[in-house]
Amino acid sequence: MGPSPCGRRPPAFLSILKPTMTLIIEQARIADLFGTFLDHGYIVVRNGLIETVGEGSAPDLPDATRIDAQQLLVTPGLVNAHAHLYSALARGMPLKSFAPSGFLGILESLWWKLDRALDPESIQASAVVGSLAHLRAGVTTLFDHHASPSSIHGSLSQLRKGIEQVGLRADLCYEVTDRGGPEERDAGIEENARFAQEEAGGGQFAAHMGLHASFTLENASLEKAAQTAEPLGLAFHLHLAEGKEDPVHALQQHGVRTAERLDQFGILTEGTLLAHGIHLSQAEVTMLAERGPTVLHNPRSNMNNAVGAAKVERMLTRGVKMALGTDGFGNDIISEALCAQLLAHHVEASPLSLGGDALLAIVQHNYTLAERFFGIPMGRAASGHAADLVVWDYDPPTPLDAGNLLGHLLFASISEGLTPRDVVIGGRQVMQDRVLPHIDERSVLARARSAAQAMWKRV
């Protein structure tokens, strides 16, 4: 199953920009994670795409809007391959009698209570503040996995409205599950289909068929979701073997391992996103490599939930595609990448585990996913690619070149705190000198606090 046909429309931001609008980022140190490096250059943006990348002084173009980068680092914006925006309203939430004995206990005593307490107001508020947090971490594109069982119909539209206020690109899905019975399950499937048909596309929004996890879905539900996704060309976005509950359920109830069960319903296709992939057998890893879905690594969330560590290098060596997400536990994909490397060092007791090339391949695949589902070349500072660009507040203290950008980003994130000064998405400057000129952030945050307080009372 490939991306939805609607994902091939022209970039959405053409409706925001004037047809002839030109933007120039000049006096820039330009780099990307695919080997581009210019120590002193410029980028010309027209109609939402990069038109020219050059060395030296920028051309004198009439009516162009100009951003003086002042020799700071400019890179393509980052991609978060697995987010839960609704977790933005969980910060500081009081937990009553929170003493889980395992992963299922965490779900039952926290997340399944929180998602049921969401309403349209809190969904939209979480989308705005969650998108703001991503933007301030240099993330310009995210893949969100949403759940709000008390407010299913139109929930992805509420997410879209909140995300649009900030200006990010987002691939959205609703988490289908049997936890609330057949009516809620059917409503979740219908919400995925409705959004894919009515609102995805245009280069800013894309869609997947969302599923929670194998252990909360009966065979009939997997079959129904697959039958709905097929004519829409939707791949799936779900959790795979995050906790031990997933493989235990699959073996006890269905006589197969988790990935093997999903494969029976045609879910393990190229384009499907499988978050976590911690408790997998060798046979399952081989199957994932053959079928071509992407496993999404979320190390900080995995450590927080004490579910174990994904065997990343084993999967990469066997040919499994891997990308990086945050699972709603933060928004900073660079810090997530550093944590992935540190966790591998710790688990394998080797400073060579998940070395630079392997980690780089994972982060690069985030861009591959974004390019596939938004229908626009992404991730390179090159002509024809999406003008999703970050001017980082970073003047490197050591030499920067075509081969060491990731190392600079990783260690800048822990040494001085890596933050954007300016952000451009689809040719539109959404952050200017650390300020979002099109948003009253004080009002947005006040509204989010009010929505969170009301939601906490329902948890």
Protein backbone atom coordinates (compact mmCIF):
# COMPACT_ATOMS: atom_id res chain seq x y z
CA MET A 1 0.00 0.00 0.00
CA GLY A 2 1.44 3.38 -0.99
CA PRO A 3 0.55 6.87 0.14
CA SER A 4 -2.91 8.24 -0.45
CA PRO A 5 -3.34 9.62 -3.98
CA CYS A 6 -4.24 12.97 -2.44
CA GLY A 7 -0.68 13.17 -1.10
CA ARG A 8 0.60 14.19 -4.54
CA ARG A 9 -0.97 17.64 -4.77
CA PRO A 10 1.19 20.79 -5.04
CA PRO A 11 2.64 22.23 -1.80
CA ALA A 12 -0.08 23.55 0.51
CA PHE A 13 1.73 26.75 1.34
CA LEU A 14 1.17 28.11 -2.17
CA SER A 15 -2.20 29.28 -0.84
CA ILE A 16 -0.38 31.33 1.83
CA LEU A 17 2.39 32.76 -0.35
CA LYS A 18 1.98 35.18 -3.19
CA PRO A 19 2.69 33.31 -6.46
CA THR A 20 5.84 35.34 -7.10
CA MET A 21 7.04 35.64 -3.50
CA THR A 22 10.79 35.16 -3.15
CA LEU A 23 12.70 34.61 0.06
CA ILE A 24 16.48 34.76 0.43
CA ILE A 25 18.50 33.41 3.36
CA GLU A 26 21.95 34.94 3.07
CA GLN A 27 25.23 35.12 4.96
CA ALA A 28 24.62 31.51 5.98
CA ARG A 29 26.67 28.46 6.91
CA ILE A 30 24.60 25.84 5.04
CA ALA A 31 24.60 22.09 5.70
CA ASP A 32 22.39 19.02 5.56
CA LEU A 33 22.65 15.41 6.71
CA PHE A 34 23.26 14.15 3.16
CA GLY A 35 26.65 15.83 2.69
CA THR A 36 25.86 19.38 1.57
CA PHE A 37 28.11 22.01 3.11
CA LEU A 38 28.76 25.65 2.23
CA ASP A 39 30.79 27.70 4.68
CA HIS A 40 29.42 30.98 3.36
CA GLY A 41 26.39 30.89 1.10
CA TYR A 42 22.77 31.68 0.38
CA ILE A 43 19.48 29.98 -0.38
CA VAL A 44 16.85 31.40 -2.73
CA VAL A 45 13.29 30.20 -2.08
CA ARG A 46 10.39 30.66 -4.46
CA ASN A 47 6.82 29.34 -4.16
CA GLY A 48 7.61 27.09 -1.22
CA LEU A 49 10.61 25.30 -2.75
CA ILE A 50 14.35 25.88 -2.75
CA GLU A 51 15.23 27.40 -6.10
CA THR A 52 18.96 27.97 -5.71
CA VAL A 53 21.72 27.22 -3.23
CA GLY A 54 24.94 29.07 -3.87
CA GLU A 55 28.27 30.17 -2.43
CA GLY A 56 29.20 33.74 -1.65
CA SER A 57 26.87 36.69 -1.80
CA ALA A 58 23.20 36.30 -2.67
CA PRO A 59 21.88 37.77 -5.92
CA ASP A 60 20.08 41.11 -5.89
CA LEU A 61 16.47 40.08 -6.57
CA PRO A 62 13.75 42.74 -6.59
CA ASP A 63 10.94 42.40 -4.00
CA ALA A 64 12.64 39.48 -2.25
CA THR A 65 12.27 39.09 1.50
CA ARG A 66 15.74 38.62 2.99
CA ILE A 67 16.90 36.85 6.14
CA ASP A 68 20.43 37.66 7.29
CA ALA A 69 21.70 34.47 8.92
CA GLN A 70 24.81 36.26 10.24
CA GLN A 71 26.92 33.15 9.52
CA LEU A 72 24.79 30.97 11.78
CA LEU A 73 24.08 27.37 10.79
CA VAL A 74 21.18 26.77 8.36
CA THR A 75 19.83 23.26 7.80
CA PRO A 76 16.62 21.61 6.60
CA GLY A 77 14.00 21.30 9.33
CA LEU A 78 13.82 18.05 11.28
CA VAL A 79 11.20 15.28 11.14
CA ASN A 80 9.59 13.48 14.11
CA ALA A 81 8.38 10.11 12.83
CA HIS A 82 6.22 9.22 15.87
CA ALA A 83 4.52 11.85 18.04
CA HIS A 84 1.54 12.02 20.39
CA LEU A 85 0.56 15.69 20.44
CA TYR A 86 -2.15 15.11 23.05
CA SER A 87 0.58 14.38 25.60
CA ALA A 88 1.38 18.12 25.56
CA LEU A 89 -1.40 18.67 28.12
CA ALA A 90 -0.09 15.98 30.50
CA ARG A 91 2.76 18.15 31.80
CA GLY A 92 2.40 18.51 35.57
CA MET A 93 -0.84 16.52 35.69
CA PRO A 94 -1.49 15.06 39.18
CA LEU A 95 -1.72 11.28 39.18
CA LYS A 96 -4.03 9.60 41.64
CA SER A 97 -2.80 6.27 43.02
CA PHE A 98 -0.20 5.89 40.28
CA ALA A 99 1.67 2.70 41.14
CA PRO A 100 1.86 0.63 37.94
CA SER A 101 3.51 -2.77 38.13
CA GLY A 102 4.29 -2.86 34.43
CA PHE A 103 3.67 -1.28 31.04
CA LEU A 104 -0.02 -2.21 30.91
CA GLY A 105 -0.45 -0.56 34.29
CA ILE A 106 1.03 2.68 32.91
CA LEU A 107 -1.45 2.60 30.03
CA GLU A 108 -4.43 1.86 32.27
CA SER A 109 -3.62 4.32 35.04
CA LEU A 110 -2.36 7.21 32.89
CA TRP A 111 -2.64 7.30 29.13
CA TRP A 112 -5.95 5.52 28.66
CA LYS A 113 -7.50 7.80 31.28
CA LEU A 114 -5.99 10.90 29.72
CA ASP A 115 -7.03 10.16 26.14
CA ARG A 116 -10.62 9.44 27.22
CA ALA A 117 -10.74 12.83 28.95
CA LEU A 118 -9.90 14.72 25.73
CA ASP A 119 -12.57 16.87 24.11
CA PRO A 120 -12.44 19.10 20.99
CA GLU A 121 -11.09 22.07 22.96
CA SER A 122 -8.27 20.13 24.62
CA ILE A 123 -7.44 18.28 21.39
CA GLN A 124 -6.94 21.54 19.52
CA ALA A 125 -5.08 23.17 22.42
CA SER A 126 -2.69 20.20 22.65
CA ALA A 127 -2.06 20.42 18.91
CA VAL A 128 -1.11 24.09 19.13
CA VAL A 129 1.23 23.86 22.11
CA GLY A 130 2.65 20.53 20.94
CA SER A 131 3.39 22.02 17.53
CA LEU A 132 4.98 25.07 19.15
CA ALA A 133 7.25 22.82 21.18
CA HIS A 134 8.26 20.91 18.07
CA LEU A 135 8.97 24.12 16.19
CA ARG A 136 11.18 25.41 19.00
CA ALA A 137 13.18 22.17 18.65
CA GLY A 138 13.64 22.72 14.90
CA VAL A 139 11.06 20.09 13.90
CA THR A 140 9.04 21.18 10.86
CA THR A 141 7.29 17.86 10.05
CA LEU A 142 5.73 15.28 12.35
CA PHE A 143 3.79 12.02 12.17
CA ASP A 144 1.15 12.08 14.89
CA HIS A 145 -0.69 9.13 16.40
CA HIS A 146 -3.88 10.37 18.08
CA ALA A 147 -6.48 8.91 20.48
CA SER A 148 -9.54 10.58 22.06
CA PRO A 149 -12.22 7.87 22.51
CA SER A 150 -14.79 10.29 23.98
CA SER A 151 -14.37 12.62 21.00
CA ILE A 152 -13.50 10.61 17.89
CA HIS A 153 -15.42 12.14 14.98
CA GLY A 154 -13.66 15.28 13.77
CA SER A 155 -10.73 14.82 16.15
CA LEU A 156 -8.17 14.83 13.33
CA SER A 157 -9.72 18.06 12.08
CA GLN A 158 -9.19 19.59 15.52
CA LEU A 159 -5.57 18.49 15.37
CA ARG A 160 -5.24 19.98 11.92
CA LYS A 161 -6.64 23.34 13.07
CA GLY A 162 -4.14 23.51 15.90
CA ILE A 163 -1.19 22.49 13.74
CA GLU A 164 -2.17 24.99 11.04
CA GLN A 165 -1.90 27.83 13.54
CA VAL A 166 1.79 27.04 13.93
CA GLY A 167 2.42 26.03 10.30
CA LEU A 168 4.00 22.58 10.56
CA ARG A 169 3.49 19.71 8.15
CA ALA A 170 1.78 16.73 9.77
CA ASP A 171 0.79 13.17 8.91
CA LEU A 172 -2.22 12.30 11.09
CA CYS A 173 -4.05 9.15 12.11
CA TYR A 174 -6.56 8.03 14.73
CA GLU A 175 -5.74 5.07 16.98
CA VAL A 176 -8.25 2.27 16.29
CA THR A 177 -8.75 -0.11 19.22
CA ASP A 178 -11.31 -2.51 20.67
CA ARG A 179 -10.93 -1.11 24.18
CA GLY A 180 -14.18 0.86 23.91
CA GLY A 181 -16.22 -1.69 21.98
CA PRO A 182 -17.30 -1.99 18.34
CA GLU A 183 -18.92 1.45 18.06
CA GLU A 184 -15.75 3.28 19.08
CA ARG A 185 -13.67 0.96 16.90
CA ASP A 186 -15.83 1.72 13.86
CA ALA A 187 -15.78 5.44 14.61
CA GLY A 188 -11.98 5.33 14.69
CA ILE A 189 -11.76 3.57 11.35
CA GLU A 190 -14.23 6.05 9.86
CA GLU A 191 -12.27 9.04 11.22
CA ASN A 192 -9.09 7.81 9.54
CA ALA A 193 -10.93 7.33 6.25
CA ARG A 194 -12.74 10.68 6.49
CA PHE A 195 -9.55 12.64 7.11
CA ALA A 196 -7.65 10.86 4.35
CA GLN A 197 -10.41 11.60 1.84
CA GLU A 198 -11.39 15.12 2.91
CA GLU A 199 -8.40 16.86 4.45
CA ALA A 200 -5.10 15.11 3.70
CA GLY A 201 -2.94 16.17 0.77
CA GLY A 202 -1.73 19.46 -0.56
CA GLY A 203 1.78 19.01 0.80
CA GLN A 204 0.96 20.05 4.37
CA PHE A 205 -1.18 17.18 5.66
CA ALA A 206 -0.95 13.45 5.00
CA ALA A 207 -2.68 10.40 6.47
CA HIS A 208 -2.22 6.86 7.73
CA MET A 209 -4.67 4.28 9.07
CA GLY A 210 -3.99 4.37 12.80
CA LEU A 211 -4.12 1.28 15.01
CA HIS A 212 -3.24 1.03 18.68
CA ALA A 213 -1.50 -2.34 18.99
CA SER A 214 -2.12 -6.00 18.25
CA PHE A 215 -3.04 -6.83 21.84
CA THR A 216 -6.01 -4.40 21.86
CA LEU A 217 -7.42 -5.49 18.50
CA GLU A 218 -9.41 -8.57 17.58
CA ASN A 219 -9.06 -10.28 14.20
CA ALA A 220 -12.33 -8.80 12.93
CA SER A 221 -11.09 -5.31 13.74
CA LEU A 222 -7.78 -5.78 11.96
CA GLU A 223 -9.64 -7.16 8.96
CA LYS A 224 -12.06 -4.23 8.89
CA ALA A 225 -9.29 -1.65 9.19
CA ALA A 226 -7.33 -3.33 6.41
CA GLN A 227 -10.37 -3.47 4.13
CA THR A 228 -11.02 0.24 4.68
CA ALA A 229 -7.38 1.22 4.13
CA GLU A 230 -6.92 -0.76 0.90
CA PRO A 231 -8.99 1.35 -1.55
CA LEU A 232 -7.68 4.57 0.00
CA GLY A 233 -4.06 3.53 -0.48
CA LEU A 234 -3.40 4.02 3.25
CA ALA A 235 -0.52 2.37 5.04
CA PHE A 236 -0.72 1.86 8.82
CA HIS A 237 0.74 3.58 11.87
CA LEU A 238 0.70 1.51 15.08
CA HIS A 239 2.64 0.29 18.11
CA LEU A 240 4.50 -3.00 17.74
CA ALA A 241 5.86 -5.12 20.60
CA GLU A 242 6.40 -2.10 22.86
CA GLY A 243 5.75 -4.08 26.04
CA LYS A 244 5.77 -7.81 26.72
CA GLU A 245 1.95 -7.75 26.71
CA ASP A 246 1.93 -7.60 22.90
CA PRO A 247 3.84 -10.84 22.11
CA VAL A 248 2.29 -12.69 25.07
CA HIS A 249 -1.23 -11.86 23.84
CA ALA A 250 -0.42 -12.83 20.26
CA LEU A 251 1.06 -16.16 21.29
CA GLN A 252 -1.61 -17.07 23.84
CA GLN A 253 -4.64 -15.91 21.87
CA HIS A 254 -3.55 -16.47 18.27
CA GLY A 255 -0.60 -18.88 18.35
CA VAL A 256 1.81 -16.57 16.52
CA ARG A 257 4.18 -13.71 17.34
CA THR A 258 2.98 -10.11 17.09
CA ALA A 259 4.47 -9.18 13.72
CA GLU A 260 3.42 -12.53 12.27
CA ARG A 261 -0.17 -11.85 13.31
CA LEU A 262 -0.19 -8.38 11.73
CA ASP A 263 1.25 -9.83 8.53
CA GLN A 264 -1.78 -12.11 8.21
CA PHE A 265 -3.87 -8.98 7.57
CA GLY A 266 -1.50 -7.33 5.09
CA ILE A 267 -0.39 -4.67 7.56
CA LEU A 268 3.38 -5.10 7.24
CA THR A 269 3.70 -3.20 3.98
CA GLU A 270 6.15 -0.60 2.79
CA GLY A 271 4.93 2.70 4.17
CA THR A 272 3.59 1.21 7.40
CA LEU A 273 5.07 2.74 10.56
CA LEU A 274 5.70 0.42 13.53
CA ALA A 275 6.57 2.24 16.74
CA HIS A 276 9.05 0.60 19.16
CA GLY A 277 9.68 -3.01 17.98
CA ILE A 278 11.34 -4.02 21.24
CA HIS A 279 10.14 -7.58 21.88
CA LEU A 280 10.71 -9.21 18.49
CA SER A 281 11.99 -12.64 17.54
CA GLN A 282 14.65 -13.27 14.91
CA ALA A 283 11.94 -14.55 12.57
CA GLU A 284 9.94 -11.36 13.01
CA VAL A 285 12.99 -9.21 12.28
CA THR A 286 13.55 -11.17 9.07
CA MET A 287 9.89 -10.70 8.14
CA LEU A 288 10.09 -6.94 8.71
CA ALA A 289 13.17 -6.73 6.50
CA GLU A 290 11.38 -8.64 3.72
CA ARG A 291 8.07 -6.74 3.92
CA GLY A 292 9.59 -3.24 4.12
CA PRO A 293 7.73 -1.33 6.88
CA THR A 294 9.66 1.13 9.05
CA VAL A 295 10.35 0.52 12.74
CA LEU A 296 10.28 3.76 14.73
CA HIS A 297 12.78 3.92 17.58
CA ASN A 298 11.73 5.95 20.67
CA PRO A 299 14.51 5.45 23.23
CA ARG A 300 13.58 8.03 25.88
CA SER A 301 9.97 6.86 26.09
CA ASN A 302 11.12 3.24 26.25
CA MET A 303 13.43 4.00 29.15
CA ASN A 304 10.75 6.00 30.94
CA ASN A 305 8.24 3.15 30.62
CA ALA A 306 10.87 0.54 31.53
CA VAL A 307 9.87 -1.67 28.59
CA GLY A 308 13.38 -2.47 27.40
CA ALA A 309 15.63 -1.35 24.56
CA ALA A 310 15.06 -2.07 20.89
CA LYS A 311 17.86 -4.06 19.28
CA VAL A 312 18.54 -1.34 16.76
CA GLU A 313 21.80 -2.54 15.27
CA ARG A 314 20.50 -6.09 14.87
CA MET A 315 17.53 -4.77 12.92
CA LEU A 316 19.65 -2.46 10.77
CA THR A 317 22.10 -5.26 10.02
CA ARG A 318 19.24 -7.52 8.93
CA GLY A 319 17.92 -4.81 6.57
CA VAL A 320 15.03 -3.40 8.60
CA LYS A 321 14.22 0.23 7.84
CA MET A 322 14.37 2.41 10.94
CA ALA A 323 13.46 5.99 11.80
CA LEU A 324 13.32 8.06 14.97
CA GLY A 325 10.37 9.31 17.01
CA THR A 326 9.68 10.74 20.47
CA ASP A 327 6.44 8.89 21.35
CA GLY A 328 5.12 12.07 22.97
CA PHE A 329 7.97 12.07 25.50
CA GLY A 330 9.42 15.40 24.42
CA ASN A 331 9.71 16.96 20.97
CA ASP A 332 13.45 17.29 20.37
CA ILE A 333 14.52 14.80 17.71
CA ILE A 334 18.23 15.70 18.01
CA SER A 335 18.24 14.92 21.73
CA GLU A 336 16.34 11.73 20.89
CA ALA A 337 19.08 10.75 18.44
CA LEU A 338 21.77 11.36 21.05
CA CYS A 339 19.82 9.31 23.58
CA ALA A 340 19.51 6.48 21.04
CA GLN A 341 23.27 6.38 20.71
CA LEU A 342 23.92 6.59 24.45
CA LEU A 343 21.38 3.86 25.16
CA ALA A 344 23.05 1.58 22.60
CA HIS A 345 26.43 2.24 24.22
CA HIS A 346 25.00 1.36 27.62
CA VAL A 347 23.03 -1.75 26.62
CA GLU A 348 25.82 -3.21 24.51
CA ALA A 349 28.59 -2.02 26.87
CA SER A 350 30.45 -0.68 23.85
CA PRO A 351 31.24 2.91 22.78
CA LEU A 352 31.11 1.70 19.17
CA SER A 353 27.44 0.65 19.25
CA LEU A 354 25.14 2.61 16.94
CA GLY A 355 28.04 4.56 15.51
CA GLY A 356 27.78 7.72 13.47
CA ASP A 357 26.95 6.07 10.14
CA ALA A 358 24.19 3.88 11.60
CA LEU A 359 22.63 6.75 13.54
CA LEU A 360 22.87 9.00 10.50
CA ALA A 361 21.03 6.41 8.37
CA ILE A 362 18.17 6.37 10.88
CA VAL A 363 17.78 10.15 10.91
CA GLN A 364 18.05 10.28 7.12
CA HIS A 365 15.18 7.79 6.87
CA ASN A 366 12.94 10.26 8.72
CA TYR A 367 13.28 12.48 5.66
CA THR A 368 12.59 9.56 3.33
CA LEU A 369 9.28 8.96 5.10
CA ALA A 370 8.35 12.63 4.93
CA GLU A 371 9.17 12.79 1.23
CA ARG A 372 7.08 9.71 0.53
CA PHE A 373 3.94 10.86 2.29
CA PHE A 374 4.00 14.58 1.55
CA GLY A 375 5.00 14.15 -2.08
CA ILE A 376 7.81 16.74 -1.91
CA PRO A 377 11.59 16.17 -1.89
CA MET A 378 12.79 16.84 1.67
CA GLY A 379 15.87 16.93 3.81
CA ARG A 380 18.43 18.41 1.45
CA ALA A 381 19.59 21.97 0.99
CA ALA A 382 19.22 21.61 -2.77
CA SER A 383 17.18 22.96 -5.65
CA GLY A 384 13.68 21.50 -5.89
CA HIS A 385 13.50 20.47 -2.24
CA ALA A 386 10.99 21.72 0.29
CA ALA A 387 11.88 25.12 1.70
CA ASP A 388 11.62 23.85 5.27
CA LEU A 389 14.69 25.50 6.78
CA VAL A 390 16.02 26.31 10.23
CA VAL A 391 18.47 29.07 11.09
CA TRP A 392 19.98 27.63 14.28
CA ASP A 393 21.28 29.93 16.98
CA TYR A 394 24.59 28.14 16.59
CA ASP A 395 28.02 29.41 15.61
CA PRO A 396 30.24 26.29 15.71
CA PRO A 397 33.26 26.47 18.04
CA THR A 398 35.10 23.82 16.00
CA PRO A 399 35.34 23.24 12.23
CA LEU A 400 32.11 22.15 10.55
CA ASP A 401 32.27 20.27 7.27
CA ALA A 402 30.26 17.94 5.02
CA GLY A 403 30.85 14.90 7.22
CA ASN A 404 30.39 16.04 10.80
CA LEU A 405 27.06 17.92 10.93
CA LEU A 406 25.32 15.25 13.01
CA GLY A 407 28.09 15.30 15.59
CA HIS A 408 27.80 19.08 15.88
CA LEU A 409 24.04 18.89 16.34
CA LEU A 410 24.23 16.10 18.92
CA PHE A 411 26.76 17.77 21.16
CA ALA A 412 25.39 21.28 20.72
CA SER A 413 22.07 19.94 22.03
CA ILE A 414 23.66 19.02 25.37
CA SER A 415 26.41 21.64 25.69
CA GLU A 416 24.66 24.91 24.94
CA GLY A 417 21.09 23.95 24.08
CA LEU A 418 20.40 23.92 20.35
CA THR A 419 17.50 26.21 19.44
CA PRO A 420 16.25 27.88 16.25
CA ARG A 421 16.48 31.60 15.65
CA ASP A 422 14.38 31.56 12.48
CA VAL A 423 12.25 28.85 10.86
CA VAL A 424 10.87 28.69 7.33
CA ILE A 425 8.29 26.06 6.33
CA GLY A 426 7.13 25.81 2.75
CA GLY A 427 8.72 29.18 2.05
CA ARG A 428 6.82 30.91 4.83
CA GLN A 429 8.79 32.39 7.72
CA VAL A 430 6.95 31.03 10.75
CA MET A 431 9.60 32.04 13.30
CA GLN A 432 11.44 35.33 13.15
CA ASP A 433 14.17 36.08 15.67
CA ARG A 434 12.71 33.44 18.05
CA VAL A 435 9.20 34.92 17.81
CA LEU A 436 6.19 33.54 15.91
CA PRO A 437 4.80 36.73 14.33
CA HIS A 438 1.46 35.15 13.36
CA ILE A 439 0.61 33.77 16.84
CA ASP A 440 -0.15 35.43 20.18
CA GLU A 441 1.74 32.86 22.24
CA ARG A 442 0.59 34.25 25.59
CA SER A 443 -3.03 33.80 24.61
CA VAL A 444 -2.35 30.35 23.17
CA LEU A 445 -0.63 29.18 26.36
CA ALA A 446 -3.36 30.65 28.56
CA ARG A 447 -5.99 28.80 26.56
CA ALA A 448 -3.98 25.58 26.82
CA ARG A 449 -3.70 25.94 30.61
CA SER A 450 -7.46 26.39 30.86
CA ALA A 451 -8.13 23.37 28.62
CA ALA A 452 -5.62 21.26 30.57
CA GLN A 453 -7.15 22.19 33.93
CA ALA A 454 -10.61 21.20 32.72
CA MET A 455 -9.27 17.97 31.22
CA TRP A 456 -7.39 17.01 34.39
CA LYS A 457 -10.69 17.12 36.31
CA ARG A 458 -12.09 14.51 33.93
CA VAL A 459 -9.12 12.14 34.25
